[in-house]
Amino acid sequence: MREERGQLSGDLTVDEPFNLWGSIAGNVSVVKGAKFYVRGAIHGNLTVEEGGRCHIYGQVIGDLFVMEGAKVIHSGMLRGNAINNGGRLYVDKHARVIGRVTTNQGDTFIQPQDEAAQ
């Protein structure tokens, strides 16, 4: 599994198992066969395409796009919108979405937050 702990600039296409501990200043696309773990920060949009998998523990400054056939688990901070265009999107109770969660197609599940956490 590839790991990145530094800072990357420019757009990136993830096509392999990848663990991000650092930051990326640009847009990121996750394509078929890739498993992407965001533990750091993305300063741009994140698009998970058909066959791509992603788990967000860190933060995404832009928007999240979940395309048909993609799977995303969101456990971190999303400052933009989450748009499901046909994939599976799971937002756990510890996650934060500053923008809106929109489901155009696909399955979206938002785990209810604890009463004490609100």
N, C-alpha and C. Protein backbone atom coordinates (compact mmCIF):
# COMPACT_ATOMS: atom_id res chain seq x y z
N MET A 1 0.85 -1.18 0.00
CA MET A 1 0.00 0.00 0.00
C MET A 1 0.89 1.24 0.00
N ARG A 2 0.59 2.15 -0.89
CA ARG A 2 1.33 3.41 -0.95
C ARG A 2 0.90 4.31 0.21
N GLU A 3 1.87 4.97 0.84
CA GLU A 3 1.58 5.93 1.91
C GLU A 3 2.21 7.26 1.56
N GLU A 4 1.49 8.33 1.81
CA GLU A 4 2.02 9.68 1.59
C GLU A 4 1.85 10.48 2.86
N ARG A 5 2.97 10.99 3.38
CA ARG A 5 2.94 11.79 4.61
C ARG A 5 3.31 13.24 4.37
N GLY A 6 3.66 13.57 3.17
CA GLY A 6 4.08 14.93 2.84
C GLY A 6 2.96 15.74 2.23
N GLN A 7 3.37 16.77 1.50
CA GLN A 7 2.42 17.65 0.84
C GLN A 7 2.57 17.50 -0.66
N LEU A 8 1.46 17.26 -1.32
CA LEU A 8 1.43 17.14 -2.77
C LEU A 8 0.64 18.31 -3.33
N SER A 9 1.06 18.80 -4.50
CA SER A 9 0.29 19.86 -5.14
C SER A 9 -0.06 19.44 -6.55
N GLY A 10 -1.23 19.80 -6.97
CA GLY A 10 -1.73 19.41 -8.29
C GLY A 10 -2.76 18.30 -8.17
N ASP A 11 -3.50 18.11 -9.24
CA ASP A 11 -4.55 17.09 -9.26
C ASP A 11 -3.91 15.69 -9.24
N LEU A 12 -4.63 14.73 -8.65
CA LEU A 12 -4.10 13.39 -8.47
C LEU A 12 -5.18 12.37 -8.82
N THR A 13 -4.79 11.30 -9.53
CA THR A 13 -5.65 10.15 -9.77
C THR A 13 -5.11 8.99 -8.97
N VAL A 14 -5.95 8.43 -8.10
CA VAL A 14 -5.56 7.29 -7.26
C VAL A 14 -6.03 6.02 -7.96
N ASP A 15 -5.07 5.13 -8.27
CA ASP A 15 -5.41 3.90 -8.99
C ASP A 15 -4.83 2.67 -8.30
N GLU A 16 -4.50 2.79 -7.02
CA GLU A 16 -3.90 1.71 -6.24
C GLU A 16 -4.30 1.90 -4.77
N PRO A 17 -4.06 0.94 -3.93
CA PRO A 17 -4.29 1.16 -2.50
C PRO A 17 -3.40 2.30 -2.01
N PHE A 18 -3.98 3.28 -1.33
CA PHE A 18 -3.27 4.52 -1.01
C PHE A 18 -3.74 5.03 0.35
N ASN A 19 -2.78 5.37 1.20
CA ASN A 19 -3.06 5.90 2.54
C ASN A 19 -2.50 7.31 2.60
N LEU A 20 -3.35 8.31 2.71
CA LEU A 20 -2.91 9.71 2.75
C LEU A 20 -2.87 10.21 4.19
N TRP A 21 -1.68 10.48 4.69
CA TRP A 21 -1.50 11.08 6.01
C TRP A 21 -1.18 12.56 5.88
N GLY A 22 -0.73 12.98 4.73
CA GLY A 22 -0.34 14.36 4.49
C GLY A 22 -1.48 15.17 3.90
N SER A 23 -1.14 16.02 2.93
CA SER A 23 -2.18 16.85 2.31
C SER A 23 -1.95 16.94 0.80
N ILE A 24 -3.05 17.17 0.11
CA ILE A 24 -3.03 17.34 -1.34
C ILE A 24 -3.72 18.66 -1.65
N ALA A 25 -3.03 19.53 -2.38
CA ALA A 25 -3.61 20.80 -2.83
C ALA A 25 -4.02 20.59 -4.29
N GLY A 26 -5.23 20.13 -4.48
CA GLY A 26 -5.74 19.84 -5.82
C GLY A 26 -6.91 18.88 -5.73
N ASN A 27 -7.49 18.58 -6.87
CA ASN A 27 -8.61 17.65 -6.93
C ASN A 27 -8.09 16.22 -7.00
N VAL A 28 -8.86 15.30 -6.41
CA VAL A 28 -8.46 13.89 -6.38
C VAL A 28 -9.57 13.05 -6.98
N SER A 29 -9.18 12.11 -7.87
CA SER A 29 -10.10 11.13 -8.44
C SER A 29 -9.65 9.75 -8.02
N VAL A 30 -10.59 8.93 -7.54
CA VAL A 30 -10.31 7.56 -7.14
C VAL A 30 -10.98 6.67 -8.18
N VAL A 31 -10.18 5.86 -8.88
CA VAL A 31 -10.71 5.07 -10.00
C VAL A 31 -10.85 3.60 -9.62
N LYS A 32 -11.36 2.81 -10.55
CA LYS A 32 -11.63 1.39 -10.33
C LYS A 32 -10.40 0.66 -9.81
N GLY A 33 -10.62 -0.14 -8.78
CA GLY A 33 -9.55 -0.93 -8.20
C GLY A 33 -8.77 -0.25 -7.09
N ALA A 34 -9.01 1.03 -6.87
CA ALA A 34 -8.27 1.78 -5.85
C ALA A 34 -9.03 1.77 -4.53
N LYS A 35 -8.27 1.73 -3.44
CA LYS A 35 -8.81 1.90 -2.09
C LYS A 35 -8.03 3.05 -1.48
N PHE A 36 -8.72 4.14 -1.18
CA PHE A 36 -8.09 5.38 -0.75
C PHE A 36 -8.54 5.72 0.67
N TYR A 37 -7.58 5.86 1.57
CA TYR A 37 -7.86 6.21 2.96
C TYR A 37 -7.35 7.62 3.19
N VAL A 38 -8.26 8.56 3.44
CA VAL A 38 -7.90 9.96 3.66
C VAL A 38 -7.79 10.18 5.17
N ARG A 39 -6.57 10.27 5.64
CA ARG A 39 -6.33 10.55 7.06
C ARG A 39 -5.79 11.96 7.24
N GLY A 40 -5.43 12.58 6.15
CA GLY A 40 -4.92 13.94 6.15
C GLY A 40 -5.97 14.89 5.59
N ALA A 41 -5.55 15.74 4.63
CA ALA A 41 -6.46 16.76 4.09
C ALA A 41 -6.34 16.85 2.58
N ILE A 42 -7.48 17.07 1.94
CA ILE A 42 -7.55 17.34 0.51
C ILE A 42 -8.10 18.75 0.36
N HIS A 43 -7.31 19.63 -0.27
CA HIS A 43 -7.73 21.00 -0.52
C HIS A 43 -8.22 21.10 -1.96
N GLY A 44 -9.37 20.49 -2.20
CA GLY A 44 -9.97 20.42 -3.52
C GLY A 44 -11.14 19.45 -3.46
N ASN A 45 -11.65 19.08 -4.61
CA ASN A 45 -12.77 18.13 -4.68
C ASN A 45 -12.26 16.70 -4.70
N LEU A 46 -13.09 15.79 -4.19
CA LEU A 46 -12.79 14.36 -4.20
C LEU A 46 -13.90 13.66 -4.98
N THR A 47 -13.52 12.95 -6.06
CA THR A 47 -14.46 12.21 -6.88
C THR A 47 -14.09 10.73 -6.81
N VAL A 48 -15.05 9.91 -6.41
CA VAL A 48 -14.84 8.46 -6.35
C VAL A 48 -15.65 7.86 -7.49
N GLU A 49 -14.94 7.29 -8.46
CA GLU A 49 -15.56 6.78 -9.67
C GLU A 49 -15.94 5.31 -9.53
N GLU A 50 -16.59 4.78 -10.57
CA GLU A 50 -17.06 3.39 -10.56
C GLU A 50 -15.92 2.44 -10.19
N GLY A 51 -16.19 1.58 -9.21
CA GLY A 51 -15.21 0.60 -8.77
C GLY A 51 -14.20 1.13 -7.78
N GLY A 52 -14.25 2.41 -7.47
CA GLY A 52 -13.34 3.00 -6.49
C GLY A 52 -13.92 2.92 -5.09
N ARG A 53 -13.03 2.85 -4.11
CA ARG A 53 -13.42 2.79 -2.70
C ARG A 53 -12.68 3.87 -1.94
N CYS A 54 -13.35 4.49 -0.97
CA CYS A 54 -12.71 5.55 -0.21
C CYS A 54 -13.28 5.59 1.21
N HIS A 55 -12.39 5.82 2.18
CA HIS A 55 -12.80 6.04 3.56
C HIS A 55 -12.14 7.34 4.01
N ILE A 56 -12.97 8.31 4.39
CA ILE A 56 -12.48 9.63 4.79
C ILE A 56 -12.46 9.70 6.32
N TYR A 57 -11.25 9.80 6.87
CA TYR A 57 -11.07 10.01 8.31
C TYR A 57 -10.67 11.46 8.57
N GLY A 58 -9.98 12.06 7.62
CA GLY A 58 -9.48 13.43 7.75
C GLY A 58 -10.49 14.43 7.24
N GLN A 59 -10.00 15.39 6.41
CA GLN A 59 -10.93 16.39 5.91
C GLN A 59 -10.76 16.67 4.43
N VAL A 60 -11.89 17.01 3.81
CA VAL A 60 -11.94 17.42 2.41
C VAL A 60 -12.48 18.83 2.40
N ILE A 61 -11.70 19.75 1.82
CA ILE A 61 -12.10 21.16 1.81
C ILE A 61 -13.15 21.43 0.73
N GLY A 62 -13.14 20.68 -0.36
CA GLY A 62 -14.09 20.88 -1.46
C GLY A 62 -15.31 19.98 -1.34
N ASP A 63 -15.83 19.57 -2.49
CA ASP A 63 -17.01 18.71 -2.56
C ASP A 63 -16.61 17.25 -2.73
N LEU A 64 -17.51 16.37 -2.34
CA LEU A 64 -17.35 14.93 -2.52
C LEU A 64 -18.38 14.47 -3.55
N PHE A 65 -17.90 13.78 -4.60
CA PHE A 65 -18.77 13.22 -5.62
C PHE A 65 -18.63 11.71 -5.60
N VAL A 66 -19.76 11.01 -5.39
CA VAL A 66 -19.78 9.55 -5.37
C VAL A 66 -20.51 9.11 -6.64
N MET A 67 -19.75 8.50 -7.56
CA MET A 67 -20.31 8.13 -8.85
C MET A 67 -20.90 6.72 -8.80
N GLU A 68 -21.64 6.36 -9.83
CA GLU A 68 -22.28 5.05 -9.90
C GLU A 68 -21.24 3.94 -9.74
N GLY A 69 -21.54 2.99 -8.85
CA GLY A 69 -20.65 1.87 -8.61
C GLY A 69 -19.51 2.13 -7.65
N ALA A 70 -19.47 3.31 -7.03
CA ALA A 70 -18.43 3.64 -6.05
C ALA A 70 -18.96 3.43 -4.64
N LYS A 71 -18.03 3.27 -3.69
CA LYS A 71 -18.39 3.12 -2.28
C LYS A 71 -17.55 4.08 -1.45
N VAL A 72 -18.23 4.85 -0.58
CA VAL A 72 -17.54 5.82 0.27
C VAL A 72 -18.08 5.73 1.69
N ILE A 73 -17.16 5.71 2.65
CA ILE A 73 -17.50 5.85 4.07
C ILE A 73 -16.90 7.17 4.52
N HIS A 74 -17.74 8.03 5.07
CA HIS A 74 -17.28 9.34 5.53
C HIS A 74 -17.32 9.38 7.06
N SER A 75 -16.14 9.55 7.66
CA SER A 75 -16.03 9.60 9.12
C SER A 75 -15.33 10.87 9.59
N GLY A 76 -14.99 11.76 8.67
CA GLY A 76 -14.21 12.94 9.02
C GLY A 76 -14.98 14.23 8.86
N MET A 77 -14.32 15.22 8.20
CA MET A 77 -14.90 16.55 8.00
C MET A 77 -14.95 16.84 6.51
N LEU A 78 -16.13 17.21 6.03
CA LEU A 78 -16.32 17.63 4.65
C LEU A 78 -16.84 19.05 4.68
N ARG A 79 -16.05 19.98 4.16
CA ARG A 79 -16.44 21.39 4.19
C ARG A 79 -17.38 21.76 3.05
N GLY A 80 -17.42 20.95 2.01
CA GLY A 80 -18.31 21.21 0.89
C GLY A 80 -19.55 20.34 0.95
N ASN A 81 -20.06 20.01 -0.22
CA ASN A 81 -21.25 19.18 -0.35
C ASN A 81 -20.87 17.74 -0.64
N ALA A 82 -21.75 16.81 -0.28
CA ALA A 82 -21.61 15.40 -0.63
C ALA A 82 -22.71 15.09 -1.63
N ILE A 83 -22.32 14.72 -2.85
CA ILE A 83 -23.28 14.46 -3.90
C ILE A 83 -23.15 13.00 -4.34
N ASN A 84 -24.22 12.24 -4.13
CA ASN A 84 -24.23 10.82 -4.52
C ASN A 84 -24.91 10.71 -5.88
N ASN A 85 -24.14 10.28 -6.88
CA ASN A 85 -24.64 10.13 -8.24
C ASN A 85 -24.78 8.67 -8.65
N GLY A 86 -25.08 7.79 -7.69
CA GLY A 86 -25.34 6.41 -8.04
C GLY A 86 -24.53 5.38 -7.28
N GLY A 87 -23.71 5.80 -6.36
CA GLY A 87 -22.91 4.87 -5.57
C GLY A 87 -23.53 4.61 -4.21
N ARG A 88 -22.68 4.14 -3.29
CA ARG A 88 -23.11 3.94 -1.90
C ARG A 88 -22.31 4.89 -1.02
N LEU A 89 -23.02 5.71 -0.28
CA LEU A 89 -22.42 6.69 0.62
C LEU A 89 -22.92 6.44 2.03
N TYR A 90 -21.98 6.25 2.94
CA TYR A 90 -22.30 6.05 4.35
C TYR A 90 -21.64 7.18 5.15
N VAL A 91 -22.44 7.94 5.88
CA VAL A 91 -21.94 9.03 6.73
C VAL A 91 -22.12 8.59 8.17
N ASP A 92 -21.00 8.34 8.88
CA ASP A 92 -21.14 7.85 10.25
C ASP A 92 -21.43 8.99 11.22
N LYS A 93 -21.78 8.62 12.45
CA LYS A 93 -22.27 9.60 13.42
C LYS A 93 -21.21 10.60 13.88
N HIS A 94 -19.93 10.31 13.66
CA HIS A 94 -18.87 11.22 14.06
C HIS A 94 -18.49 12.19 12.95
N ALA A 95 -18.99 11.96 11.76
CA ALA A 95 -18.64 12.78 10.60
C ALA A 95 -19.36 14.13 10.64
N ARG A 96 -18.76 15.10 9.93
CA ARG A 96 -19.38 16.42 9.80
C ARG A 96 -19.40 16.79 8.32
N VAL A 97 -20.54 17.29 7.87
CA VAL A 97 -20.68 17.81 6.52
C VAL A 97 -21.17 19.24 6.67
N ILE A 98 -20.33 20.20 6.27
CA ILE A 98 -20.69 21.61 6.40
C ILE A 98 -21.72 21.99 5.33
N GLY A 99 -21.57 21.43 4.13
CA GLY A 99 -22.51 21.69 3.04
C GLY A 99 -23.73 20.80 3.15
N ARG A 100 -24.25 20.40 2.01
CA ARG A 100 -25.45 19.56 1.97
C ARG A 100 -25.11 18.16 1.48
N VAL A 101 -25.93 17.19 1.90
CA VAL A 101 -25.84 15.83 1.39
C VAL A 101 -26.99 15.66 0.40
N THR A 102 -26.65 15.38 -0.86
CA THR A 102 -27.63 15.24 -1.92
C THR A 102 -27.51 13.86 -2.56
N THR A 103 -28.64 13.17 -2.71
CA THR A 103 -28.64 11.87 -3.37
C THR A 103 -29.43 12.00 -4.67
N ASN A 104 -28.71 12.04 -5.80
CA ASN A 104 -29.36 12.04 -7.11
C ASN A 104 -29.75 10.63 -7.52
N GLN A 105 -28.90 9.66 -7.17
CA GLN A 105 -29.13 8.24 -7.38
C GLN A 105 -28.29 7.50 -6.35
N GLY A 106 -28.52 6.20 -6.24
CA GLY A 106 -27.71 5.39 -5.33
C GLY A 106 -28.28 5.34 -3.93
N ASP A 107 -27.48 4.82 -3.02
CA ASP A 107 -27.90 4.63 -1.63
C ASP A 107 -27.06 5.50 -0.71
N THR A 108 -27.74 6.31 0.10
CA THR A 108 -27.07 7.15 1.08
C THR A 108 -27.63 6.81 2.45
N PHE A 109 -26.74 6.54 3.39
CA PHE A 109 -27.16 6.28 4.77
C PHE A 109 -26.41 7.25 5.68
N ILE A 110 -27.17 7.99 6.47
CA ILE A 110 -26.58 8.92 7.43
C ILE A 110 -26.90 8.41 8.82
N GLN A 111 -25.89 7.99 9.54
CA GLN A 111 -26.08 7.47 10.90
C GLN A 111 -26.45 8.63 11.82
N PRO A 112 -27.50 8.48 12.62
CA PRO A 112 -27.91 9.56 13.52
C PRO A 112 -26.81 9.85 14.55
N GLN A 113 -26.65 11.14 14.84
CA GLN A 113 -25.67 11.56 15.84
C GLN A 113 -26.23 11.32 17.22
N ASP A 114 -25.32 11.13 18.19
CA ASP A 114 -25.74 10.99 19.58
C ASP A 114 -26.33 12.32 20.04
N GLU A 115 -27.31 12.23 20.92
CA GLU A 115 -27.93 13.44 21.47
C GLU A 115 -26.90 14.34 22.14
N ALA A 116 -25.96 13.75 22.87
CA ALA A 116 -24.95 14.53 23.60
C ALA A 116 -23.99 15.24 22.66
N ALA A 117 -23.79 14.72 21.45
CA ALA A 117 -22.82 15.29 20.51
C ALA A 117 -23.39 16.47 19.74
N GLN A 118 -24.69 16.66 19.76
CA GLN A 118 -25.29 17.74 18.97
C GLN A 118 -25.23 19.06 19.64
